[in-house]
Amino acid sequence: MENGFDIYTLLFLILAVVIFLRLRNVLGRRTGQERPPYDPYEASDSKANGAKDQKQDTVVPLPRPRGAPEPGPMAGAEERLKGFAPKGSPLAKGLLAVVKSDPSFDPKEFLEGAKAAYEMIVMAFAGGDKKTLRNLLGKDVYDGFTGAIDERKERGESVESSFVGIDKADILEADVKRKAAQVTVKFVSELITATLDKKGKVIDGNPKKVREVTDIWTFSRDISSRDPNWKLVATEAAN
């Protein structure tokens, strides 16, 4: 029994050594220079970073032509004014002065805001809305408008008004006086308006007829202030 046990033990040892040697030949030995296990997420990040670096390497900044001026606040100003004033005209010079004092000024955007303000002011005046008028009018114009509202109220009169739309809005003048930029706009609009007495009788206008109205309004903004809003500071009725 003892000799049998020794033989079997010896056979198992020989078999284990053979298996170990074969595995070593197939798998190789670790030398400390092996690559780490493949991580698909890390590989994706590396590829993306490599592409990004390669893209950045291909961007070559173009040199500024010798003697070319640095872009300033007036860059693109004349392009913005095209279609609003003939080049070299008094209006163009006035608009350039406004742009110089306020580089963010754009006549197209200004006109859009002016048209919105025009409608709000007309309807607020008709409805006696002093709160809305206070935010849109300069002091002198506000006092004149609210005075007319108060007189109308004392007489027991009311105004019925419907705003049809603005047919045309053109910039007539522009200038910078002291610390105020001023732009004058001519509005041609269509309104339905009628003034009624305290008994509801129409004493002015026609509640069923569209009327064309032409107004010339001047808007102003304090360029030394951070407040970007323009206010109506002068009015003139052309008809």
Foldseek 3Di string as FASTA:
>chain_A
DVVVVVVVVVVVVVVVVVVVVVVCVVVPDDDPPDDDDDDVVVVVVVVVVVVVVVVVVPDDDDDDPPPDDDDDLCVCVVVLCPPADPPPDQQSVQSSQVCVLPSVDGVVVVQVVVQVLVVQVVVCLQVVPLVSQVVAADPVVSVVSNVVVVVCVVQQKHKDKDWPGWPDKGWDHWHQDDQKTKIKIKTWGKMQMFMAGNVRHTPDGHNVDIDIWIKIWMWMDRSVDPDPDIHTYDIDTPD
